[in-house]
Amino acid sequence: SLRLSCATSESKFDIYGWAWYRQPTGKRREWVATITSP
């Protein structure tokens, strides 16, 4: 198990949705997960 963190400087952080993506070496970036504003 592992826990990743994404620290942002977005002053309006709470009004946006946020997502995680991943990119294996040599491959295209893919979407992993999303959390909406609510």
PDB file of all heavy atoms in Angstrom:
ATOM      1  N   SER A   1       0.828  -1.197   0.000  1.00  0.00           N
ATOM      2  CA  SER A   1       0.000   0.000   0.000  1.00  0.00           C
ATOM      3  C   SER A   1       0.863   1.247   0.000  1.00  0.00           C
ATOM      4  O   SER A   1       2.002   1.233   0.456  1.00  0.00           O
ATOM      5  CB  SER A   1      -0.917   0.022   1.228  1.00  0.00           C
ATOM      6  OG  SER A   1      -1.831  -1.050   1.224  1.00  0.00           O
ATOM      7  N   LEU A   2       0.284   2.319  -0.500  1.00  0.00           N
ATOM      8  CA  LEU A   2       0.983   3.587  -0.584  1.00  0.00           C
ATOM      9  C   LEU A   2      -0.059   4.697  -0.599  1.00  0.00           C
ATOM     10  O   LEU A   2      -1.153   4.507  -1.139  1.00  0.00           O
ATOM     11  CB  LEU A   2       1.803   3.622  -1.868  1.00  0.00           C
ATOM     12  CG  LEU A   2       3.173   4.303  -1.929  1.00  0.00           C
ATOM     13  CD1 LEU A   2       4.078   3.825  -0.809  1.00  0.00           C
ATOM     14  CD2 LEU A   2       3.804   4.020  -3.280  1.00  0.00           C
ATOM     15  N   ARG A   3       0.275   5.840  -0.012  1.00  0.00           N
ATOM     16  CA  ARG A   3      -0.604   6.993  -0.097  1.00  0.00           C
ATOM     17  C   ARG A   3       0.128   8.144  -0.762  1.00  0.00           C
ATOM     18  O   ARG A   3       1.167   8.590  -0.275  1.00  0.00           O
ATOM     19  CB  ARG A   3      -1.117   7.444   1.274  1.00  0.00           C
ATOM     20  CG  ARG A   3      -2.211   8.519   1.157  1.00  0.00           C
ATOM     21  CD  ARG A   3      -2.788   8.947   2.482  1.00  0.00           C
ATOM     22  NE  ARG A   3      -1.958   9.934   3.154  1.00  0.00           N
ATOM     23  CZ  ARG A   3      -2.422  10.870   3.983  1.00  0.00           C
ATOM     24  NH1 ARG A   3      -3.723  10.935   4.255  1.00  0.00           N
ATOM     25  NH2 ARG A   3      -1.589  11.712   4.565  1.00  0.00           N
ATOM     26  N   LEU A   4      -0.421   8.616  -1.857  1.00  0.00           N
ATOM     27  CA  LEU A   4       0.144   9.746  -2.573  1.00  0.00           C
ATOM     28  C   LEU A   4      -0.546  11.038  -2.144  1.00  0.00           C
ATOM     29  O   LEU A   4      -1.731  11.041  -1.814  1.00  0.00           O
ATOM     30  CB  LEU A   4      -0.023   9.572  -4.083  1.00  0.00           C
ATOM     31  CG  LEU A   4       0.486   8.263  -4.691  1.00  0.00           C
ATOM     32  CD1 LEU A   4       0.335   8.319  -6.208  1.00  0.00           C
ATOM     33  CD2 LEU A   4       1.931   8.003  -4.291  1.00  0.00           C
ATOM     34  N   SER A   5       0.204  12.119  -2.171  1.00  0.00           N
ATOM     35  CA  SER A   5      -0.334  13.430  -1.854  1.00  0.00           C
ATOM     36  C   SER A   5      -0.085  14.380  -3.009  1.00  0.00           C
ATOM     37  O   SER A   5       0.920  14.270  -3.706  1.00  0.00           O
ATOM     38  CB  SER A   5       0.320  14.001  -0.592  1.00  0.00           C
ATOM     39  OG  SER A   5       0.033  13.216   0.541  1.00  0.00           O
ATOM     40  N   CYS A   6      -1.001  15.296  -3.210  1.00  0.00           N
ATOM     41  CA  CYS A   6      -0.857  16.342  -4.215  1.00  0.00           C
ATOM     42  C   CYS A   6      -1.155  17.668  -3.533  1.00  0.00           C
ATOM     43  O   CYS A   6      -2.321  17.996  -3.279  1.00  0.00           O
ATOM     44  CB  CYS A   6      -1.813  16.112  -5.385  1.00  0.00           C
ATOM     45  SG  CYS A   6      -1.917  17.492  -6.547  1.00  0.00           S
ATOM     46  N   ALA A   7      -0.108  18.403  -3.230  1.00  0.00           N
ATOM     47  CA  ALA A   7      -0.261  19.717  -2.621  1.00  0.00           C
ATOM     48  C   ALA A   7      -0.385  20.761  -3.721  1.00  0.00           C
ATOM     49  O   ALA A   7       0.429  20.794  -4.634  1.00  0.00           O
ATOM     50  CB  ALA A   7       0.935  20.022  -1.726  1.00  0.00           C
ATOM     51  N   THR A   8      -1.411  21.599  -3.633  1.00  0.00           N
ATOM     52  CA  THR A   8      -1.634  22.618  -4.643  1.00  0.00           C
ATOM     53  C   THR A   8      -1.612  24.002  -4.019  1.00  0.00           C
ATOM     54  O   THR A   8      -1.806  24.162  -2.817  1.00  0.00           O
ATOM     55  CB  THR A   8      -2.979  22.448  -5.366  1.00  0.00           C
ATOM     56  OG1 THR A   8      -4.035  23.048  -4.593  1.00  0.00           O
ATOM     57  CG2 THR A   8      -3.309  20.977  -5.577  1.00  0.00           C
ATOM     58  N   SER A   9      -1.392  24.993  -4.865  1.00  0.00           N
ATOM     59  CA  SER A   9      -1.445  26.378  -4.431  1.00  0.00           C
ATOM     60  C   SER A   9      -2.701  27.057  -4.966  1.00  0.00           C
ATOM     61  O   SER A   9      -2.768  28.287  -5.034  1.00  0.00           O
ATOM     62  CB  SER A   9      -0.195  27.128  -4.900  1.00  0.00           C
ATOM     63  OG  SER A   9      -0.112  27.150  -6.316  1.00  0.00           O
ATOM     64  N   GLU A  10      -3.696  26.273  -5.334  1.00  0.00           N
ATOM     65  CA  GLU A  10      -4.930  26.786  -5.893  1.00  0.00           C
ATOM     66  C   GLU A  10      -5.769  27.446  -4.805  1.00  0.00           C
ATOM     67  O   GLU A  10      -6.264  26.770  -3.907  1.00  0.00           O
ATOM     68  CB  GLU A  10      -5.716  25.661  -6.574  1.00  0.00           C
ATOM     69  CG  GLU A  10      -7.091  26.072  -7.080  1.00  0.00           C
ATOM     70  CD  GLU A  10      -7.026  27.229  -8.055  1.00  0.00           C
ATOM     71  OE1 GLU A  10      -6.538  27.016  -9.191  1.00  0.00           O
ATOM     72  OE2 GLU A  10      -7.453  28.343  -7.682  1.00  0.00           O
ATOM     73  N   SER A  11      -5.941  28.747  -4.912  1.00  0.00           N
ATOM     74  CA  SER A  11      -6.677  29.484  -3.890  1.00  0.00           C
ATOM     75  C   SER A  11      -8.174  29.171  -3.897  1.00  0.00           C
ATOM     76  O   SER A  11      -8.851  29.373  -2.887  1.00  0.00           O
ATOM     77  CB  SER A  11      -6.455  30.990  -4.055  1.00  0.00           C
ATOM     78  OG  SER A  11      -6.933  31.445  -5.305  1.00  0.00           O
ATOM     79  N   LYS A  12      -8.684  28.689  -5.024  1.00  0.00           N
ATOM     80  CA  LYS A  12     -10.088  28.310  -5.131  1.00  0.00           C
ATOM     81  C   LYS A  12     -10.219  26.789  -5.222  1.00  0.00           C
ATOM     82  O   LYS A  12     -11.063  26.265  -5.945  1.00  0.00           O
ATOM     83  CB  LYS A  12     -10.728  28.980  -6.339  1.00  0.00           C
ATOM     84  CG  LYS A  12     -10.694  30.499  -6.282  1.00  0.00           C
ATOM     85  CD  LYS A  12     -11.419  31.100  -7.480  1.00  0.00           C
ATOM     86  CE  LYS A  12     -11.260  32.613  -7.520  1.00  0.00           C
ATOM     87  NZ  LYS A  12     -11.806  33.267  -6.295  1.00  0.00           N
ATOM     88  N   PHE A  13      -9.385  26.109  -4.483  1.00  0.00           N
ATOM     89  CA  PHE A  13      -9.289  24.655  -4.513  1.00  0.00           C
ATOM     90  C   PHE A  13     -10.645  23.964  -4.396  1.00  0.00           C
ATOM     91  O   PHE A  13     -10.938  23.024  -5.147  1.00  0.00           O
ATOM     92  CB  PHE A  13      -8.372  24.194  -3.375  1.00  0.00           C
ATOM     93  CG  PHE A  13      -8.223  22.706  -3.256  1.00  0.00           C
ATOM     94  CD1 PHE A  13      -7.219  22.041  -3.945  1.00  0.00           C
ATOM     95  CD2 PHE A  13      -9.075  21.967  -2.446  1.00  0.00           C
ATOM     96  CE1 PHE A  13      -7.063  20.669  -3.829  1.00  0.00           C
ATOM     97  CE2 PHE A  13      -8.928  20.594  -2.321  1.00  0.00           C
ATOM     98  CZ  PHE A  13      -7.922  19.947  -3.016  1.00  0.00           C
ATOM     99  N   ASP A  14     -11.461  24.429  -3.482  1.00  0.00           N
ATOM    100  CA  ASP A  14     -12.696  23.718  -3.165  1.00  0.00           C
ATOM    101  C   ASP A  14     -13.784  23.820  -4.221  1.00  0.00           C
ATOM    102  O   ASP A  14     -14.755  23.054  -4.164  1.00  0.00           O
ATOM    103  CB  ASP A  14     -13.242  24.173  -1.808  1.00  0.00           C
ATOM    104  CG  ASP A  14     -13.493  25.667  -1.727  1.00  0.00           C
ATOM    105  OD1 ASP A  14     -12.694  26.439  -2.309  1.00  0.00           O
ATOM    106  OD2 ASP A  14     -14.470  26.067  -1.076  1.00  0.00           O
ATOM    107  N   ILE A  15     -13.664  24.728  -5.180  1.00  0.00           N
ATOM    108  CA  ILE A  15     -14.711  24.851  -6.192  1.00  0.00           C
ATOM    109  C   ILE A  15     -14.455  23.961  -7.408  1.00  0.00           C
ATOM    110  O   ILE A  15     -15.324  23.848  -8.282  1.00  0.00           O
ATOM    111  CB  ILE A  15     -14.907  26.308  -6.661  1.00  0.00           C
ATOM    112  CG1 ILE A  15     -13.781  26.750  -7.592  1.00  0.00           C
ATOM    113  CG2 ILE A  15     -15.039  27.244  -5.473  1.00  0.00           C
ATOM    114  CD1 ILE A  15     -14.050  28.091  -8.256  1.00  0.00           C
ATOM    115  N   TYR A  16     -13.298  23.329  -7.458  1.00  0.00           N
ATOM    116  CA  TYR A  16     -12.945  22.476  -8.592  1.00  0.00           C
ATOM    117  C   TYR A  16     -12.993  20.998  -8.238  1.00  0.00           C
ATOM    118  O   TYR A  16     -12.863  20.611  -7.076  1.00  0.00           O
ATOM    119  CB  TYR A  16     -11.540  22.800  -9.088  1.00  0.00           C
ATOM    120  CG  TYR A  16     -11.381  24.180  -9.669  1.00  0.00           C
ATOM    121  CD1 TYR A  16     -10.678  25.157  -8.979  1.00  0.00           C
ATOM    122  CD2 TYR A  16     -11.925  24.499 -10.902  1.00  0.00           C
ATOM    123  CE1 TYR A  16     -10.525  26.427  -9.508  1.00  0.00           C
ATOM    124  CE2 TYR A  16     -11.779  25.769 -11.436  1.00  0.00           C
ATOM    125  CZ  TYR A  16     -11.082  26.728 -10.738  1.00  0.00           C
ATOM    126  OH  TYR A  16     -10.934  27.982 -11.264  1.00  0.00           O
ATOM    127  N   GLY A  17     -13.156  20.189  -9.276  1.00  0.00           N
ATOM    128  CA  GLY A  17     -12.907  18.774  -9.133  1.00  0.00           C
ATOM    129  C   GLY A  17     -11.417  18.532  -9.325  1.00  0.00           C
ATOM    130  O   GLY A  17     -10.710  19.363  -9.900  1.00  0.00           O
ATOM    131  N   TRP A  18     -10.945  17.403  -8.844  1.00  0.00           N
ATOM    132  CA  TRP A  18      -9.526  17.063  -8.947  1.00  0.00           C
ATOM    133  C   TRP A  18      -9.377  15.621  -9.387  1.00  0.00           C
ATOM    134  O   TRP A  18     -10.257  14.793  -9.146  1.00  0.00           O
ATOM    135  CB  TRP A  18      -8.807  17.298  -7.610  1.00  0.00           C
ATOM    136  CG  TRP A  18      -8.802  18.740  -7.254  1.00  0.00           C
ATOM    137  CD1 TRP A  18      -9.760  19.429  -6.570  1.00  0.00           C
ATOM    138  CD2 TRP A  18      -7.810  19.698  -7.616  1.00  0.00           C
ATOM    139  NE1 TRP A  18      -9.431  20.759  -6.482  1.00  0.00           N
ATOM    140  CE2 TRP A  18      -8.227  20.952  -7.118  1.00  0.00           C
ATOM    141  CE3 TRP A  18      -6.598  19.628  -8.312  1.00  0.00           C
ATOM    142  CZ2 TRP A  18      -7.491  22.118  -7.292  1.00  0.00           C
ATOM    143  CZ3 TRP A  18      -5.858  20.780  -8.486  1.00  0.00           C
ATOM    144  CH2 TRP A  18      -6.312  22.003  -7.972  1.00  0.00           C
ATOM    145  N   ALA A  19      -8.260  15.332 -10.023  1.00  0.00           N
ATOM    146  CA  ALA A  19      -8.065  13.992 -10.559  1.00  0.00           C
ATOM    147  C   ALA A  19      -6.617  13.547 -10.441  1.00  0.00           C
ATOM    148  O   ALA A  19      -5.696  14.361 -10.381  1.00  0.00           O
ATOM    149  CB  ALA A  19      -8.501  13.939 -12.022  1.00  0.00           C
ATOM    150  N   TRP A  20      -6.444  12.240 -10.418  1.00  0.00           N
ATOM    151  CA  TRP A  20      -5.137  11.609 -10.501  1.00  0.00           C
ATOM    152  C   TRP A  20      -5.003  10.928 -11.851  1.00  0.00           C
ATOM    153  O   TRP A  20      -5.966  10.344 -12.360  1.00  0.00           O
ATOM    154  CB  TRP A  20      -4.937  10.573  -9.394  1.00  0.00           C
ATOM    155  CG  TRP A  20      -4.626  11.167  -8.058  1.00  0.00           C
ATOM    156  CD1 TRP A  20      -5.499  11.427  -7.054  1.00  0.00           C
ATOM    157  CD2 TRP A  20      -3.332  11.551  -7.579  1.00  0.00           C
ATOM    158  NE1 TRP A  20      -4.836  11.953  -5.974  1.00  0.00           N
ATOM    159  CE2 TRP A  20      -3.505  12.045  -6.264  1.00  0.00           C
ATOM    160  CE3 TRP A  20      -2.042  11.532  -8.132  1.00  0.00           C
ATOM    161  CZ2 TRP A  20      -2.440  12.515  -5.495  1.00  0.00           C
ATOM    162  CZ3 TRP A  20      -0.985  12.002  -7.365  1.00  0.00           C
ATOM    163  CH2 TRP A  20      -1.190  12.486  -6.064  1.00  0.00           C
ATOM    164  N   TYR A  21      -3.815  10.992 -12.406  1.00  0.00           N
ATOM    165  CA  TYR A  21      -3.469  10.350 -13.659  1.00  0.00           C
ATOM    166  C   TYR A  21      -2.165   9.587 -13.454  1.00  0.00           C
ATOM    167  O   TYR A  21      -1.425   9.855 -12.519  1.00  0.00           O
ATOM    168  CB  TYR A  21      -3.263  11.376 -14.773  1.00  0.00           C
ATOM    169  CG  TYR A  21      -4.440  12.301 -14.981  1.00  0.00           C
ATOM    170  CD1 TYR A  21      -4.617  13.420 -14.181  1.00  0.00           C
ATOM    171  CD2 TYR A  21      -5.372  12.059 -15.991  1.00  0.00           C
ATOM    172  CE1 TYR A  21      -5.685  14.277 -14.364  1.00  0.00           C
ATOM    173  CE2 TYR A  21      -6.445  12.912 -16.186  1.00  0.00           C
ATOM    174  CZ  TYR A  21      -6.598  14.014 -15.371  1.00  0.00           C
ATOM    175  OH  TYR A  21      -7.667  14.859 -15.560  1.00  0.00           O
ATOM    176  N   ARG A  22      -1.885   8.663 -14.334  1.00  0.00           N
ATOM    177  CA  ARG A  22      -0.597   7.978 -14.278  1.00  0.00           C
ATOM    178  C   ARG A  22      -0.064   7.742 -15.673  1.00  0.00           C
ATOM    179  O   ARG A  22      -0.825   7.665 -16.636  1.00  0.00           O
ATOM    180  CB  ARG A  22      -0.707   6.659 -13.509  1.00  0.00           C
ATOM    181  CG  ARG A  22      -1.579   5.600 -14.163  1.00  0.00           C
ATOM    182  CD  ARG A  22      -1.727   4.411 -13.223  1.00  0.00           C
ATOM    183  NE  ARG A  22      -2.499   3.337 -13.815  1.00  0.00           N
ATOM    184  CZ  ARG A  22      -2.881   2.253 -13.162  1.00  0.00           C
ATOM    185  NH1 ARG A  22      -2.544   2.089 -11.876  1.00  0.00           N
ATOM    186  NH2 ARG A  22      -3.589   1.311 -13.777  1.00  0.00           N
ATOM    187  N   GLN A  23       1.239   7.645 -15.759  1.00  0.00           N
ATOM    188  CA  GLN A  23       1.902   7.479 -17.043  1.00  0.00           C
ATOM    189  C   GLN A  23       3.065   6.508 -16.910  1.00  0.00           C
ATOM    190  O   GLN A  23       4.141   6.884 -16.430  1.00  0.00           O
ATOM    191  CB  GLN A  23       2.388   8.825 -17.574  1.00  0.00           C
ATOM    192  CG  GLN A  23       2.981   8.757 -18.962  1.00  0.00           C
ATOM    193  CD  GLN A  23       3.231  10.132 -19.544  1.00  0.00           C
ATOM    194  OE1 GLN A  23       3.435  11.097 -18.814  1.00  0.00           O
ATOM    195  NE2 GLN A  23       3.194  10.226 -20.862  1.00  0.00           N
ATOM    196  N   PRO A  24       2.867   5.260 -17.331  1.00  0.00           N
ATOM    197  CA  PRO A  24       3.994   4.329 -17.376  1.00  0.00           C
ATOM    198  C   PRO A  24       5.027   4.840 -18.368  1.00  0.00           C
ATOM    199  O   PRO A  24       4.675   5.517 -19.342  1.00  0.00           O
ATOM    200  CB  PRO A  24       3.362   3.022 -17.851  1.00  0.00           C
ATOM    201  CG  PRO A  24       1.903   3.169 -17.531  1.00  0.00           C
ATOM    202  CD  PRO A  24       1.611   4.621 -17.742  1.00  0.00           C
ATOM    203  N   THR A  25       6.267   4.524 -18.139  1.00  0.00           N
ATOM    204  CA  THR A  25       7.326   4.973 -19.030  1.00  0.00           C
ATOM    205  C   THR A  25       7.052   4.547 -20.465  1.00  0.00           C
ATOM    206  O   THR A  25       6.758   3.379 -20.725  1.00  0.00           O
ATOM    207  CB  THR A  25       8.683   4.418 -18.579  1.00  0.00           C
ATOM    208  OG1 THR A  25       8.948   4.847 -17.238  1.00  0.00           O
ATOM    209  CG2 THR A  25       9.796   4.902 -19.485  1.00  0.00           C
ATOM    210  N   GLY A  26       7.115   5.496 -21.380  1.00  0.00           N
ATOM    211  CA  GLY A  26       6.921   5.201 -22.782  1.00  0.00           C
ATOM    212  C   GLY A  26       5.477   5.084 -23.223  1.00  0.00           C
ATOM    213  O   GLY A  26       5.223   4.810 -24.394  1.00  0.00           O
ATOM    214  N   LYS A  27       4.528   5.282 -22.317  1.00  0.00           N
ATOM    215  CA  LYS A  27       3.118   5.173 -22.657  1.00  0.00           C
ATOM    216  C   LYS A  27       2.396   6.492 -22.411  1.00  0.00           C
ATOM    217  O   LYS A  27       2.932   7.395 -21.772  1.00  0.00           O
ATOM    218  CB  LYS A  27       2.462   4.050 -21.858  1.00  0.00           C
ATOM    219  CG  LYS A  27       3.063   2.681 -22.117  1.00  0.00           C
ATOM    220  CD  LYS A  27       2.355   1.596 -21.334  1.00  0.00           C
ATOM    221  CE  LYS A  27       2.949   0.235 -21.616  1.00  0.00           C
ATOM    222  NZ  LYS A  27       2.271  -0.838 -20.846  1.00  0.00           N
ATOM    223  N   ARG A  28       1.186   6.583 -22.910  1.00  0.00           N
ATOM    224  CA  ARG A  28       0.405   7.793 -22.755  1.00  0.00           C
ATOM    225  C   ARG A  28      -0.141   7.915 -21.335  1.00  0.00           C
ATOM    226  O   ARG A  28      -0.341   6.913 -20.647  1.00  0.00           O
ATOM    227  CB  ARG A  28      -0.740   7.830 -23.766  1.00  0.00           C
ATOM    228  CG  ARG A  28      -1.753   6.725 -23.564  1.00  0.00           C
ATOM    229  CD  ARG A  28      -2.803   6.732 -24.679  1.00  0.00           C
ATOM    230  NE  ARG A  28      -3.621   7.937 -24.646  1.00  0.00           N
ATOM    231  CZ  ARG A  28      -4.720   8.075 -23.914  1.00  0.00           C
ATOM    232  NH1 ARG A  28      -5.147   7.090 -23.134  1.00  0.00           N
ATOM    233  NH2 ARG A  28      -5.400   9.212 -23.968  1.00  0.00           N
ATOM    234  N   ARG A  29      -0.385   9.115 -20.924  1.00  0.00           N
ATOM    235  CA  ARG A  29      -0.960   9.360 -19.619  1.00  0.00           C
ATOM    236  C   ARG A  29      -2.420   8.902 -19.601  1.00  0.00           C
ATOM    237  O   ARG A  29      -3.161   9.128 -20.557  1.00  0.00           O
ATOM    238  CB  ARG A  29      -0.860  10.854 -19.289  1.00  0.00           C
ATOM    239  CG  ARG A  29      -1.426  11.239 -17.933  1.00  0.00           C
ATOM    240  CD  ARG A  29      -0.940  12.627 -17.504  1.00  0.00           C
ATOM    241  NE  ARG A  29      -1.050  13.592 -18.578  1.00  0.00           N
ATOM    242  CZ  ARG A  29      -0.044  14.286 -19.064  1.00  0.00           C
ATOM    243  NH1 ARG A  29       1.174  14.136 -18.576  1.00  0.00           N
ATOM    244  NH2 ARG A  29      -0.249  15.162 -20.042  1.00  0.00           N
ATOM    245  N   GLU A  30      -2.825   8.256 -18.531  1.00  0.00           N
ATOM    246  CA  GLU A  30      -4.191   7.784 -18.411  1.00  0.00           C
ATOM    247  C   GLU A  30      -4.833   8.291 -17.118  1.00  0.00           C
ATOM    248  O   GLU A  30      -4.166   8.486 -16.105  1.00  0.00           O
ATOM    249  CB  GLU A  30      -4.249   6.256 -18.437  1.00  0.00           C
ATOM    250  CG  GLU A  30      -3.586   5.581 -17.251  1.00  0.00           C
ATOM    251  CD  GLU A  30      -3.798   4.081 -17.214  1.00  0.00           C
ATOM    252  OE1 GLU A  30      -4.812   3.601 -17.774  1.00  0.00           O
ATOM    253  OE2 GLU A  30      -2.940   3.380 -16.637  1.00  0.00           O
ATOM    254  N   TRP A  31      -6.122   8.470 -17.160  1.00  0.00           N
ATOM    255  CA  TRP A  31      -6.877   8.899 -16.012  1.00  0.00           C
ATOM    256  C   TRP A  31      -7.045   7.761 -15.014  1.00  0.00           C
ATOM    257  O   TRP A  31      -7.265   6.613 -15.406  1.00  0.00           O
ATOM    258  CB  TRP A  31      -8.249   9.405 -16.466  1.00  0.00           C
ATOM    259  CG  TRP A  31      -9.219   9.640 -15.352  1.00  0.00           C
ATOM    260  CD1 TRP A  31      -9.259  10.701 -14.498  1.00  0.00           C
ATOM    261  CD2 TRP A  31     -10.302   8.786 -14.979  1.00  0.00           C
ATOM    262  NE1 TRP A  31     -10.310  10.563 -13.608  1.00  0.00           N
ATOM    263  CE2 TRP A  31     -10.959   9.394 -13.888  1.00  0.00           C
ATOM    264  CE3 TRP A  31     -10.781   7.568 -15.464  1.00  0.00           C
ATOM    265  CZ2 TRP A  31     -12.070   8.827 -13.275  1.00  0.00           C
ATOM    266  CZ3 TRP A  31     -11.888   7.001 -14.855  1.00  0.00           C
ATOM    267  CH2 TRP A  31     -12.522   7.634 -13.778  1.00  0.00           C
ATOM    268  N   VAL A  32      -6.948   8.069 -13.749  1.00  0.00           N
ATOM    269  CA  VAL A  32      -7.042   7.065 -12.695  1.00  0.00           C
ATOM    270  C   VAL A  32      -8.268   7.275 -11.809  1.00  0.00           C
ATOM    271  O   VAL A  32      -9.031   6.342 -11.557  1.00  0.00           O
ATOM    272  CB  VAL A  32      -5.776   7.066 -11.820  1.00  0.00           C
ATOM    273  CG1 VAL A  32      -5.947   6.147 -10.613  1.00  0.00           C
ATOM    274  CG2 VAL A  32      -4.571   6.640 -12.650  1.00  0.00           C
ATOM    275  N   ALA A  33      -8.449   8.489 -11.306  1.00  0.00           N
ATOM    276  CA  ALA A  33      -9.532   8.739 -10.358  1.00  0.00           C
ATOM    277  C   ALA A  33      -9.889  10.212 -10.335  1.00  0.00           C
ATOM    278  O   ALA A  33      -9.062  11.071 -10.643  1.00  0.00           O
ATOM    279  CB  ALA A  33      -9.135   8.287  -8.947  1.00  0.00           C
ATOM    280  N   THR A  34     -11.122  10.502  -9.957  1.00  0.00           N
ATOM    281  CA  THR A  34     -11.625  11.865  -9.865  1.00  0.00           C
ATOM    282  C   THR A  34     -12.397  12.055  -8.572  1.00  0.00           C
ATOM    283  O   THR A  34     -13.074  11.133  -8.111  1.00  0.00           O
ATOM    284  CB  THR A  34     -12.555  12.180 -11.057  1.00  0.00           C
ATOM    285  OG1 THR A  34     -11.798  12.253 -12.258  1.00  0.00           O
ATOM    286  CG2 THR A  34     -13.285  13.509 -10.855  1.00  0.00           C
ATOM    287  N   ILE A  35     -12.287  13.231  -8.008  1.00  0.00           N
ATOM    288  CA  ILE A  35     -13.158  13.628  -6.921  1.00  0.00           C
ATOM    289  C   ILE A  35     -13.741  14.981  -7.277  1.00  0.00           C
ATOM    290  O   ILE A  35     -13.020  15.901  -7.656  1.00  0.00           O
ATOM    291  CB  ILE A  35     -12.426  13.646  -5.559  1.00  0.00           C
ATOM    292  CG1 ILE A  35     -13.420  13.961  -4.433  1.00  0.00           C
ATOM    293  CG2 ILE A  35     -11.254  14.621  -5.553  1.00  0.00           C
ATOM    294  CD1 ILE A  35     -12.892  13.622  -3.042  1.00  0.00           C
ATOM    295  N   THR A  36     -15.056  15.111  -7.203  1.00  0.00           N
ATOM    296  CA  THR A  36     -15.732  16.346  -7.565  1.00  0.00           C
ATOM    297  C   THR A  36     -15.698  17.329  -6.411  1.00  0.00           C
ATOM    298  O   THR A  36     -15.324  16.994  -5.285  1.00  0.00           O
ATOM    299  CB  THR A  36     -17.193  16.091  -7.965  1.00  0.00           C
ATOM    300  OG1 THR A  36     -17.932  15.667  -6.806  1.00  0.00           O
ATOM    301  CG2 THR A  36     -17.292  15.022  -9.043  1.00  0.00           C
ATOM    302  N   SER A  37     -16.126  18.546  -6.690  1.00  0.00           N
ATOM    303  CA  SER A  37     -16.178  19.561  -5.650  1.00  0.00           C
ATOM    304  C   SER A  37     -17.023  19.129  -4.451  1.00  0.00           C
ATOM    305  O   SER A  37     -16.595  19.290  -3.305  1.00  0.00           O
ATOM    306  CB  SER A  37     -16.693  20.875  -6.234  1.00  0.00           C
ATOM    307  OG  SER A  37     -16.789  21.875  -5.241  1.00  0.00           O
ATOM    308  N   PRO A  38     -18.222  18.561  -4.688  1.00  0.00           N
ATOM    309  CA  PRO A  38     -19.007  18.084  -3.547  1.00  0.00           C
ATOM    310  C   PRO A  38     -18.456  16.823  -2.886  1.00  0.00           C
ATOM    311  O   PRO A  38     -18.882  16.484  -1.784  1.00  0.00           O
ATOM    312  CB  PRO A  38     -20.387  17.807  -4.158  1.00  0.00           C
ATOM    313  CG  PRO A  38     -20.409  18.573  -5.434  1.00  0.00           C
ATOM    314  CD  PRO A  38     -19.015  18.501  -5.929  1.00  0.00           C
TER     315      PRO A  38
END
